[in-house]
Amino acid sequence: MKNYDIIIIGAGPAGLSFARSFKDTKLQVLVLEKSPLEKIAKPAPDGREIALTHLSLKIMTEQKTWQALPQEVISPIQYASVVNGDSPYSLNFDHKKAKVDALGYLVPNYQIRQAIYNEVVDLDNIEILTDVTVEDVNTDAETAFVSYMKSTDANTISTAEMVTAQLVVAADSRFSATRRKMGIPCQMRDFSRTAIVCRMQHELPHKETAYECFYYGRTMAILPMNNRVSSVVITMSSSAANTLMNMSDESFNRDIEHHFQNRLGKMTLLDKRYSYPLIAIHADRFYANRFAVIGDASVGMHPVTAHGFNLGLQGQHILATAIKDAATRGKDIASQRILKHYNFLHQQNTRPLYHGTNGIVTLFTSETLPAKLARKAMLHLANNAFPLKKLISNKLTEANQGVNLPKLPLPFFIR
């Protein structure tokens, strides 16, 4: 039975970023992934573009994954505009007023995954096993145990193998079976809506402006990519989404032009459309005995506020920083003190955003008269109340919160 310091279940962006955090340490890390190697070594385009905050940029720069991205795939967002229904009024944000080069940066999801994988694959202390299915996870006072099955061809009999570690970290998905096995409950919100994502070319320049349009019946984000190309994200009822997915390309083009009120002129679909169900989750806690959850296994966000990947990156950084600090001091890297510390800090980061986002989605997808009036009032308030607008802008451009462990006194239950 082979022993490691940390076993990570899931080789998505959060899991591999977490593994990358232990470069230049003596900690031995095993990553278990159910997908075949080619899917994580050469990720395919999936239609999703990630809006990175300045905090994510700082973490990725520290991990050297930002530098590994091709410059031509990075698209700065200089301005942002929130539109409500058919009203010409909008809530606007400007990078100049925020005193930053850009409000954020748009990067294709598969390019981020590729850059992170390339940074991890050759590290001597990181081992990645693909084509494996985790069968069981359990822990005792000193050790975590993981049993898994290796996928084989039809002529080979698969047998379960077991590995041990000081700590197991689940980074599998928002539907994490590992989280359930370890007895961590979660809140789940099925919005009964579907997100359709694609890239479109357009006649007029976007001027590096991101639009979030809360129309009646659908929400539509138009996110600026380089040149006259934008990422289009439409969220709508699942039945309506099926109709949109089955439209001809020409009908789809005209539909998007019409709903976006021809702001960008003629629009043309560049490649295929992708659809994803909208289900949000938030784990009640982010740890158990010698076990922690990160990424979507801890928090799966509705995409409207674009914080899903950013929170996953921030969470793994908080946990990794605490673990490296403990290892440097010769302490138990999976102690309850360490895991409670991570839970306390990351719950503070995620709970307000999770519930706030769900509240925004509920309000801005309701078509009742009181909701419509409240939507208008909220946009006017946010636009004219300087402290509130500055707070929203700061959430995009902050670069220091959460990167290092705070020097503040810990809560009584962590000391």
Protein backbone atom coordinates (compact mmCIF):
# COMPACT_ATOMS: atom_id res chain seq x y z
CA MET A 1 0.00 0.00 0.00
CA LYS A 2 1.58 3.26 -1.16
CA ASN A 3 1.51 6.30 1.11
CA TYR A 4 1.37 9.99 0.17
CA ASP A 5 1.09 13.23 2.06
CA ILE A 6 -1.93 14.45 0.09
CA ILE A 7 -4.35 12.70 -2.27
CA ILE A 8 -6.40 14.96 -4.56
CA ILE A 9 -9.52 13.54 -6.20
CA GLY A 10 -10.16 15.39 -9.46
CA ALA A 11 -7.74 16.88 -12.02
CA GLY A 12 -9.81 19.90 -12.99
CA PRO A 13 -8.48 23.46 -12.64
CA ALA A 14 -8.96 23.57 -8.85
CA GLY A 15 -7.39 20.14 -8.25
CA LEU A 16 -4.38 20.75 -10.47
CA SER A 17 -3.89 24.30 -9.14
CA PHE A 18 -3.89 22.84 -5.64
CA ALA A 19 -1.28 20.26 -6.69
CA ARG A 20 0.81 23.02 -8.31
CA SER A 21 0.79 24.90 -5.00
CA PHE A 22 3.14 22.25 -3.57
CA LYS A 23 5.93 22.76 -6.06
CA ASP A 24 9.24 23.25 -4.25
CA THR A 25 7.98 21.39 -1.17
CA LYS A 26 8.81 17.90 0.06
CA LEU A 27 5.13 16.92 0.17
CA GLN A 28 4.24 13.93 -2.01
CA VAL A 29 0.96 14.44 -3.85
CA LEU A 30 -1.21 11.97 -5.77
CA VAL A 31 -3.95 13.20 -8.15
CA LEU A 32 -6.70 10.72 -9.08
CA GLU A 33 -8.78 11.49 -12.17
CA LYS A 34 -11.57 9.46 -13.77
CA SER A 35 -11.07 10.93 -17.27
CA PRO A 36 -8.49 9.50 -19.70
CA LEU A 37 -5.10 11.20 -19.86
CA GLU A 38 -5.70 12.82 -23.26
CA LYS A 39 -8.68 14.77 -21.91
CA ILE A 40 -6.65 16.53 -19.23
CA ALA A 41 -3.36 16.68 -21.16
CA LYS A 42 -5.03 18.25 -24.22
CA PRO A 43 -8.31 19.80 -23.05
CA ALA A 44 -10.83 20.43 -25.81
CA PRO A 45 -12.69 23.74 -26.22
CA ASP A 46 -15.93 23.69 -24.25
CA GLY A 47 -17.37 27.11 -25.08
CA ARG A 48 -16.72 28.53 -21.63
CA GLU A 49 -14.72 31.71 -21.14
CA ILE A 50 -13.50 32.51 -17.62
CA ALA A 51 -13.61 36.10 -16.36
CA LEU A 52 -10.57 36.30 -14.09
CA THR A 53 -10.40 38.80 -11.25
CA HIS A 54 -7.19 40.53 -10.23
CA LEU A 55 -6.88 38.19 -7.26
CA SER A 56 -6.98 35.17 -9.58
CA LEU A 57 -4.43 36.86 -11.80
CA LYS A 58 -2.11 37.28 -8.82
CA ILE A 59 -2.44 33.64 -7.76
CA MET A 60 -1.93 32.38 -11.30
CA THR A 61 1.11 34.63 -11.70
CA GLU A 62 2.61 33.14 -8.53
CA GLN A 63 2.01 29.66 -9.97
CA LYS A 64 3.44 30.75 -13.37
CA THR A 65 0.28 29.58 -15.14
CA TRP A 66 -0.65 33.13 -16.16
CA GLN A 67 2.69 33.54 -17.93
CA ALA A 68 2.12 30.23 -19.73
CA LEU A 69 -1.10 31.42 -21.40
CA PRO A 70 -0.77 32.53 -25.04
CA GLN A 71 -1.13 36.31 -25.01
CA GLU A 72 -3.55 36.25 -27.92
CA VAL A 73 -6.17 34.36 -25.86
CA ILE A 74 -6.24 36.95 -23.04
CA SER A 75 -8.95 39.59 -23.52
CA PRO A 76 -9.10 42.57 -21.13
CA ILE A 77 -12.46 43.82 -19.91
CA GLN A 78 -12.21 47.62 -19.65
CA TYR A 79 -15.87 48.49 -19.11
CA ALA A 80 -18.98 46.71 -17.88
CA SER A 81 -22.63 47.55 -18.31
CA VAL A 82 -25.67 45.99 -16.61
CA VAL A 83 -28.95 46.34 -18.53
CA ASN A 84 -32.44 45.67 -17.14
CA GLY A 85 -35.31 44.62 -19.41
CA ASP A 86 -36.13 47.07 -22.17
CA SER A 87 -34.93 50.09 -20.20
CA PRO A 88 -32.19 52.25 -21.79
CA TYR A 89 -30.81 52.86 -18.28
CA SER A 90 -27.73 50.84 -17.29
CA LEU A 91 -25.35 50.36 -14.38
CA ASN A 92 -21.83 51.08 -15.64
CA PHE A 93 -18.29 50.34 -14.49
CA ASP A 94 -15.10 51.90 -15.87
CA HIS A 95 -11.54 50.62 -15.40
CA LYS A 96 -10.23 54.20 -15.29
CA LYS A 97 -12.43 55.10 -12.33
CA ALA A 98 -11.33 51.87 -10.65
CA LYS A 99 -7.71 52.92 -11.32
CA VAL A 100 -6.72 49.60 -12.91
CA ASP A 101 -5.62 48.54 -16.38
CA ALA A 102 -8.71 46.35 -16.73
CA LEU A 103 -11.70 45.31 -14.62
CA GLY A 104 -10.85 41.69 -15.37
CA TYR A 105 -9.55 39.37 -18.04
CA LEU A 106 -11.42 36.87 -20.20
CA VAL A 107 -9.62 33.60 -20.99
CA PRO A 108 -10.96 30.35 -22.53
CA ASN A 109 -11.48 27.67 -19.90
CA TYR A 110 -9.61 25.00 -21.87
CA GLN A 111 -6.56 27.27 -22.22
CA ILE A 112 -6.42 27.73 -18.45
CA ARG A 113 -6.69 23.97 -17.92
CA GLN A 114 -3.88 23.40 -20.42
CA ALA A 115 -1.58 25.95 -18.76
CA ILE A 116 -2.14 24.47 -15.29
CA TYR A 117 -1.59 20.90 -16.50
CA ASN A 118 1.65 21.87 -18.23
CA GLU A 119 2.93 23.38 -14.98
CA VAL A 120 2.12 20.26 -12.95
CA VAL A 121 2.86 17.28 -15.17
CA ASP A 122 6.67 17.32 -14.81
CA LEU A 123 6.87 18.03 -11.07
CA ASP A 124 8.79 15.26 -9.28
CA ASN A 125 6.56 15.29 -6.21
CA ILE A 126 3.25 15.19 -8.11
CA GLU A 127 1.85 11.94 -9.51
CA ILE A 128 -1.25 11.91 -11.72
CA LEU A 129 -3.27 8.72 -12.24
CA THR A 130 -6.00 8.87 -14.88
CA ASP A 131 -8.78 6.43 -15.88
CA VAL A 132 -9.48 5.67 -12.22
CA THR A 133 -12.74 5.50 -10.31
CA VAL A 134 -12.64 6.21 -6.59
CA GLU A 135 -14.57 3.47 -4.82
CA ASP A 136 -14.26 4.51 -1.19
CA VAL A 137 -12.76 7.12 1.11
CA ASN A 138 -12.48 6.84 4.87
CA THR A 139 -10.26 8.15 7.63
CA ASP A 140 -9.15 7.42 11.16
CA ALA A 141 -7.32 9.55 13.70
CA GLU A 142 -4.00 9.40 11.85
CA THR A 143 -4.60 8.30 8.25
CA ALA A 144 -6.87 8.77 5.24
CA PHE A 145 -7.60 5.75 3.02
CA VAL A 146 -8.66 5.86 -0.63
CA SER A 147 -9.54 2.79 -2.69
CA TYR A 148 -9.90 3.06 -6.45
CA MET A 149 -10.39 0.97 -9.58
CA LYS A 150 -8.20 1.46 -12.63
CA SER A 151 -10.07 1.34 -15.94
CA THR A 152 -8.77 -1.47 -18.13
CA ASP A 153 -9.64 -3.15 -21.40
CA ALA A 154 -12.40 -5.74 -21.63
CA ASN A 155 -9.97 -8.66 -21.35
CA THR A 156 -8.41 -7.53 -18.07
CA ILE A 157 -9.97 -8.02 -14.65
CA SER A 158 -9.95 -4.81 -12.61
CA THR A 159 -9.05 -5.00 -8.95
CA ALA A 160 -9.38 -2.35 -6.29
CA GLU A 161 -6.19 -0.70 -5.08
CA MET A 162 -5.74 1.29 -1.88
CA VAL A 163 -3.49 4.24 -1.11
CA THR A 164 -3.10 6.25 2.08
CA ALA A 165 -2.27 9.85 2.94
CA GLN A 166 -2.35 12.37 5.74
CA LEU A 167 -5.07 14.31 3.90
CA VAL A 168 -7.59 13.70 1.12
CA VAL A 169 -8.92 16.69 -0.84
CA ALA A 170 -11.97 16.35 -3.10
CA ALA A 171 -11.96 18.54 -6.21
CA ASP A 172 -14.19 16.33 -8.33
CA SER A 173 -17.40 18.30 -9.06
CA ARG A 174 -20.39 20.05 -7.52
CA PHE A 175 -22.04 16.61 -7.46
CA SER A 176 -19.05 15.18 -5.58
CA ALA A 177 -19.59 11.57 -4.56
CA THR A 178 -16.52 11.85 -2.33
CA ARG A 179 -18.09 14.74 -0.39
CA ARG A 180 -21.18 12.64 0.23
CA LYS A 181 -19.14 9.62 1.31
CA MET A 182 -17.45 11.78 3.94
CA GLY A 183 -20.78 12.98 5.32
CA ILE A 184 -20.61 16.64 4.29
CA PRO A 185 -24.08 17.96 3.45
CA CYS A 186 -24.63 20.78 0.99
CA GLN A 187 -27.28 23.25 -0.07
CA MET A 188 -28.31 22.73 -3.68
CA ARG A 189 -30.27 25.12 -5.89
CA ASP A 190 -31.62 23.84 -9.20
CA PHE A 191 -32.62 26.92 -11.18
CA SER A 192 -34.45 24.81 -13.80
CA ARG A 193 -32.58 26.87 -16.36
CA THR A 194 -29.90 26.15 -18.93
CA ALA A 195 -26.87 28.17 -20.00
CA ILE A 196 -26.02 28.26 -23.70
CA VAL A 197 -22.50 29.46 -24.51
CA CYS A 198 -20.81 30.20 -27.83
CA ARG A 199 -18.50 32.64 -29.59
CA MET A 200 -19.82 35.15 -32.11
CA GLN A 201 -18.21 37.58 -34.51
CA HIS A 202 -19.87 40.95 -34.95
CA GLU A 203 -19.92 43.91 -37.30
CA LEU A 204 -19.29 46.69 -34.76
CA PRO A 205 -16.47 46.90 -32.16
CA HIS A 206 -17.33 45.93 -28.57
CA LYS A 207 -14.88 48.52 -27.19
CA GLU A 208 -13.79 45.96 -24.58
CA THR A 209 -17.16 46.26 -22.83
CA ALA A 210 -18.88 43.38 -21.04
CA TYR A 211 -22.69 43.46 -21.00
CA GLU A 212 -24.94 41.67 -18.53
CA CYS A 213 -28.49 41.97 -19.85
CA PHE A 214 -31.39 40.94 -17.64
CA TYR A 215 -34.10 40.72 -20.25
CA TYR A 216 -37.54 39.31 -19.60
CA GLY A 217 -37.47 35.57 -20.23
CA ARG A 218 -33.70 35.32 -20.55
CA THR A 219 -30.42 36.66 -19.23
CA MET A 220 -27.68 37.35 -21.75
CA ALA A 221 -24.01 38.17 -21.20
CA ILE A 222 -21.88 39.51 -24.05
CA LEU A 223 -18.22 39.28 -23.03
CA PRO A 224 -15.49 40.94 -25.13
CA MET A 225 -12.79 38.79 -26.68
CA ASN A 226 -9.98 40.01 -28.89
CA ASN A 227 -10.88 41.67 -32.19
CA ARG A 228 -14.59 41.80 -33.07
CA VAL A 229 -15.45 38.59 -31.28
CA SER A 230 -17.50 38.11 -28.10
CA SER A 231 -18.41 35.21 -25.86
CA VAL A 232 -22.19 34.97 -25.63
CA VAL A 233 -23.82 33.38 -22.56
CA ILE A 234 -27.62 32.97 -22.57
CA THR A 235 -29.50 31.60 -19.57
CA MET A 236 -33.15 30.70 -19.94
CA SER A 237 -35.71 28.04 -19.07
CA SER A 238 -34.59 24.58 -20.15
CA SER A 239 -37.52 24.18 -22.55
CA ALA A 240 -36.74 27.52 -24.26
CA ALA A 241 -33.04 26.59 -24.35
CA ASN A 242 -33.84 23.44 -26.31
CA THR A 243 -35.55 25.56 -28.95
CA LEU A 244 -32.56 27.91 -29.16
CA MET A 245 -30.09 25.03 -29.37
CA ASN A 246 -32.05 23.47 -32.25
CA MET A 247 -32.30 26.66 -34.30
CA SER A 248 -30.39 26.94 -37.57
CA ASP A 249 -27.23 29.03 -37.33
CA GLU A 250 -28.84 31.82 -39.34
CA SER A 251 -31.94 31.92 -37.11
CA PHE A 252 -29.74 31.85 -34.02
CA ASN A 253 -27.68 34.78 -35.33
CA ARG A 254 -30.80 36.87 -35.95
CA ASP A 255 -32.21 35.94 -32.52
CA ILE A 256 -29.11 37.17 -30.68
CA GLU A 257 -28.93 40.36 -32.77
CA HIS A 258 -32.58 41.10 -31.99
CA HIS A 259 -32.34 40.47 -28.25
CA PHE A 260 -29.12 42.49 -28.00
CA GLN A 261 -30.92 45.31 -29.81
CA ASN A 262 -28.35 45.38 -32.63
CA ARG A 263 -25.72 47.04 -30.41
CA LEU A 264 -22.97 45.16 -32.25
CA GLY A 265 -24.59 45.09 -35.67
CA LYS A 266 -24.64 41.87 -37.64
CA MET A 267 -23.57 38.87 -35.51
CA THR A 268 -22.34 35.49 -36.77
CA LEU A 269 -21.85 32.24 -34.87
CA LEU A 270 -18.18 31.18 -35.08
CA ASP A 271 -18.41 27.60 -33.85
CA LYS A 272 -20.78 25.22 -32.08
CA ARG A 273 -23.16 26.05 -29.25
CA TYR A 274 -22.70 24.35 -25.88
CA SER A 275 -25.33 23.96 -23.16
CA TYR A 276 -24.98 23.42 -19.42
CA PRO A 277 -27.67 22.92 -16.71
CA LEU A 278 -27.67 25.61 -14.01
CA ILE A 279 -27.35 24.04 -10.57
CA ALA A 280 -25.60 25.83 -7.69
CA ILE A 281 -24.28 24.19 -4.52
CA HIS A 282 -22.62 25.29 -1.31
CA ALA A 283 -21.23 22.75 1.14
CA ASP A 284 -22.33 23.32 4.73
CA ARG A 285 -18.70 22.96 5.74
CA PHE A 286 -15.52 22.45 3.75
CA TYR A 287 -13.86 19.75 5.84
CA ALA A 288 -14.23 16.49 7.77
CA ASN A 289 -11.66 14.36 9.57
CA ARG A 290 -8.48 14.46 7.41
CA PHE A 291 -10.59 15.55 4.47
CA ALA A 292 -11.36 18.82 2.69
CA VAL A 293 -13.30 19.99 -0.36
CA ILE A 294 -12.19 22.66 -2.84
CA GLY A 295 -13.39 24.02 -6.17
CA ASP A 296 -16.86 23.03 -7.33
CA ALA A 297 -17.00 20.32 -4.67
CA SER A 298 -17.13 23.13 -2.11
CA VAL A 299 -19.00 25.87 -4.02
CA GLY A 300 -20.64 25.68 -7.42
CA MET A 301 -21.85 29.13 -8.49
CA HIS A 302 -24.45 30.42 -10.92
CA PRO A 303 -22.37 32.04 -13.72
CA VAL A 304 -24.09 35.44 -13.59
CA THR A 305 -21.47 36.98 -11.28
CA ALA A 306 -18.56 35.05 -12.85
CA HIS A 307 -17.06 34.02 -9.51
CA GLY A 308 -17.04 30.21 -9.81
CA PHE A 309 -13.47 29.63 -11.01
CA ASN A 310 -12.18 32.61 -9.03
CA LEU A 311 -13.54 31.25 -5.75
CA GLY A 312 -12.12 27.81 -6.53
CA LEU A 313 -8.67 29.27 -7.14
CA GLN A 314 -8.88 31.36 -4.00
CA GLY A 315 -10.04 28.44 -1.84
CA GLN A 316 -7.25 26.09 -2.90
CA HIS A 317 -4.73 28.87 -2.24
CA ILE A 318 -5.99 29.42 1.31
CA LEU A 319 -5.85 25.69 2.09
CA ALA A 320 -2.45 25.16 0.42
CA THR A 321 -0.93 28.12 2.25
CA ALA A 322 -2.10 26.76 5.61
CA ILE A 323 -0.77 23.28 4.79
CA LYS A 324 2.65 24.54 3.68
CA ASP A 325 2.91 26.63 6.83
CA ALA A 326 2.16 23.58 8.97
CA ALA A 327 4.62 21.41 7.03
CA THR A 328 7.38 24.00 7.44
CA ARG A 329 6.86 23.94 11.20
CA GLY A 330 6.74 20.12 11.33
CA LYS A 331 3.06 20.06 12.28
CA ASP A 332 0.26 17.75 11.15
CA ILE A 333 -0.88 19.10 7.77
CA ALA A 334 -4.38 17.63 8.24
CA SER A 335 -5.04 18.72 11.80
CA GLN A 336 -8.46 20.00 12.75
CA ARG A 337 -6.87 23.38 13.46
CA ILE A 338 -5.65 23.68 9.85
CA LEU A 339 -8.92 22.48 8.31
CA LYS A 340 -11.10 24.67 10.54
CA HIS A 341 -8.88 27.63 9.66
CA TYR A 342 -9.46 26.99 5.94
CA ASN A 343 -13.17 26.49 6.49
CA PHE A 344 -13.56 29.69 8.48
CA LEU A 345 -11.74 31.88 5.96
CA HIS A 346 -13.28 30.41 2.84
CA GLN A 347 -16.81 30.33 4.25
CA GLN A 348 -16.41 34.07 4.86
CA ASN A 349 -15.46 34.52 1.20
CA THR A 350 -18.08 32.28 -0.36
CA ARG A 351 -21.30 32.45 1.66
CA PRO A 352 -22.13 36.14 0.98
CA LEU A 353 -21.34 35.73 -2.73
CA TYR A 354 -23.29 32.47 -3.03
CA HIS A 355 -26.44 33.74 -1.36
CA GLY A 356 -26.09 37.19 -2.90
CA THR A 357 -25.77 35.71 -6.38
CA ASN A 358 -28.78 33.46 -5.86
CA GLY A 359 -30.76 36.46 -4.64
CA ILE A 360 -29.78 38.49 -7.72
CA VAL A 361 -30.76 35.61 -10.00
CA THR A 362 -34.12 35.22 -8.26
CA LEU A 363 -34.90 38.94 -8.49
CA PHE A 364 -33.66 39.50 -12.03
CA THR A 365 -35.37 36.44 -13.51
CA SER A 366 -38.74 37.20 -11.93
CA GLU A 367 -41.24 38.94 -14.20
CA THR A 368 -43.72 40.05 -11.57
CA LEU A 369 -44.44 43.79 -11.40
CA PRO A 370 -42.91 44.22 -7.89
CA ALA A 371 -39.74 42.45 -9.08
CA LYS A 372 -39.49 44.65 -12.17
CA LEU A 373 -39.82 47.78 -10.02
CA ALA A 374 -37.24 46.45 -7.55
CA ARG A 375 -34.83 45.72 -10.39
CA LYS A 376 -35.04 49.28 -11.67
CA ALA A 377 -34.64 50.70 -8.18
CA MET A 378 -31.60 48.50 -7.48
CA LEU A 379 -29.77 49.58 -10.64
CA HIS A 380 -30.41 53.26 -9.92
CA LEU A 381 -29.27 52.84 -6.32
CA ALA A 382 -26.09 50.98 -7.30
CA ASN A 383 -25.26 53.55 -9.98
CA ASN A 384 -25.75 56.57 -7.74
CA ALA A 385 -24.63 55.30 -4.34
CA PHE A 386 -20.86 55.72 -4.61
CA PRO A 387 -19.88 53.43 -1.68
CA LEU A 388 -22.03 50.59 -3.06
CA LYS A 389 -20.68 50.94 -6.59
CA LYS A 390 -17.11 51.11 -5.27
CA LEU A 391 -17.74 47.93 -3.25
CA ILE A 392 -18.91 46.07 -6.35
CA SER A 393 -15.95 47.36 -8.36
CA ASN A 394 -13.52 46.36 -5.61
CA LYS A 395 -14.75 42.76 -5.71
CA LEU A 396 -13.55 42.59 -9.32
CA THR A 397 -10.26 44.38 -8.90
CA GLU A 398 -9.07 43.33 -5.44
CA ALA A 399 -5.68 41.66 -5.57
CA ASN A 400 -4.70 41.00 -1.99
CA GLN A 401 -7.59 39.53 -0.03
CA GLY A 402 -7.18 35.85 0.67
CA VAL A 403 -3.75 35.44 -0.93
CA ASN A 404 -1.85 35.22 2.33
CA LEU A 405 -3.13 33.90 5.63
CA PRO A 406 -4.42 36.85 7.64
CA LYS A 407 -2.37 38.02 10.59
CA LEU A 408 -5.54 38.56 12.62
CA PRO A 409 -6.26 36.49 15.74
CA LEU A 410 -7.96 33.21 14.88
CA PRO A 411 -11.49 32.47 16.12
CA PHE A 412 -11.67 30.76 19.51
CA PHE A 413 -12.52 27.35 18.02
CA ILE A 414 -9.36 27.31 15.86
CA ARG A 415 -6.81 28.35 18.43
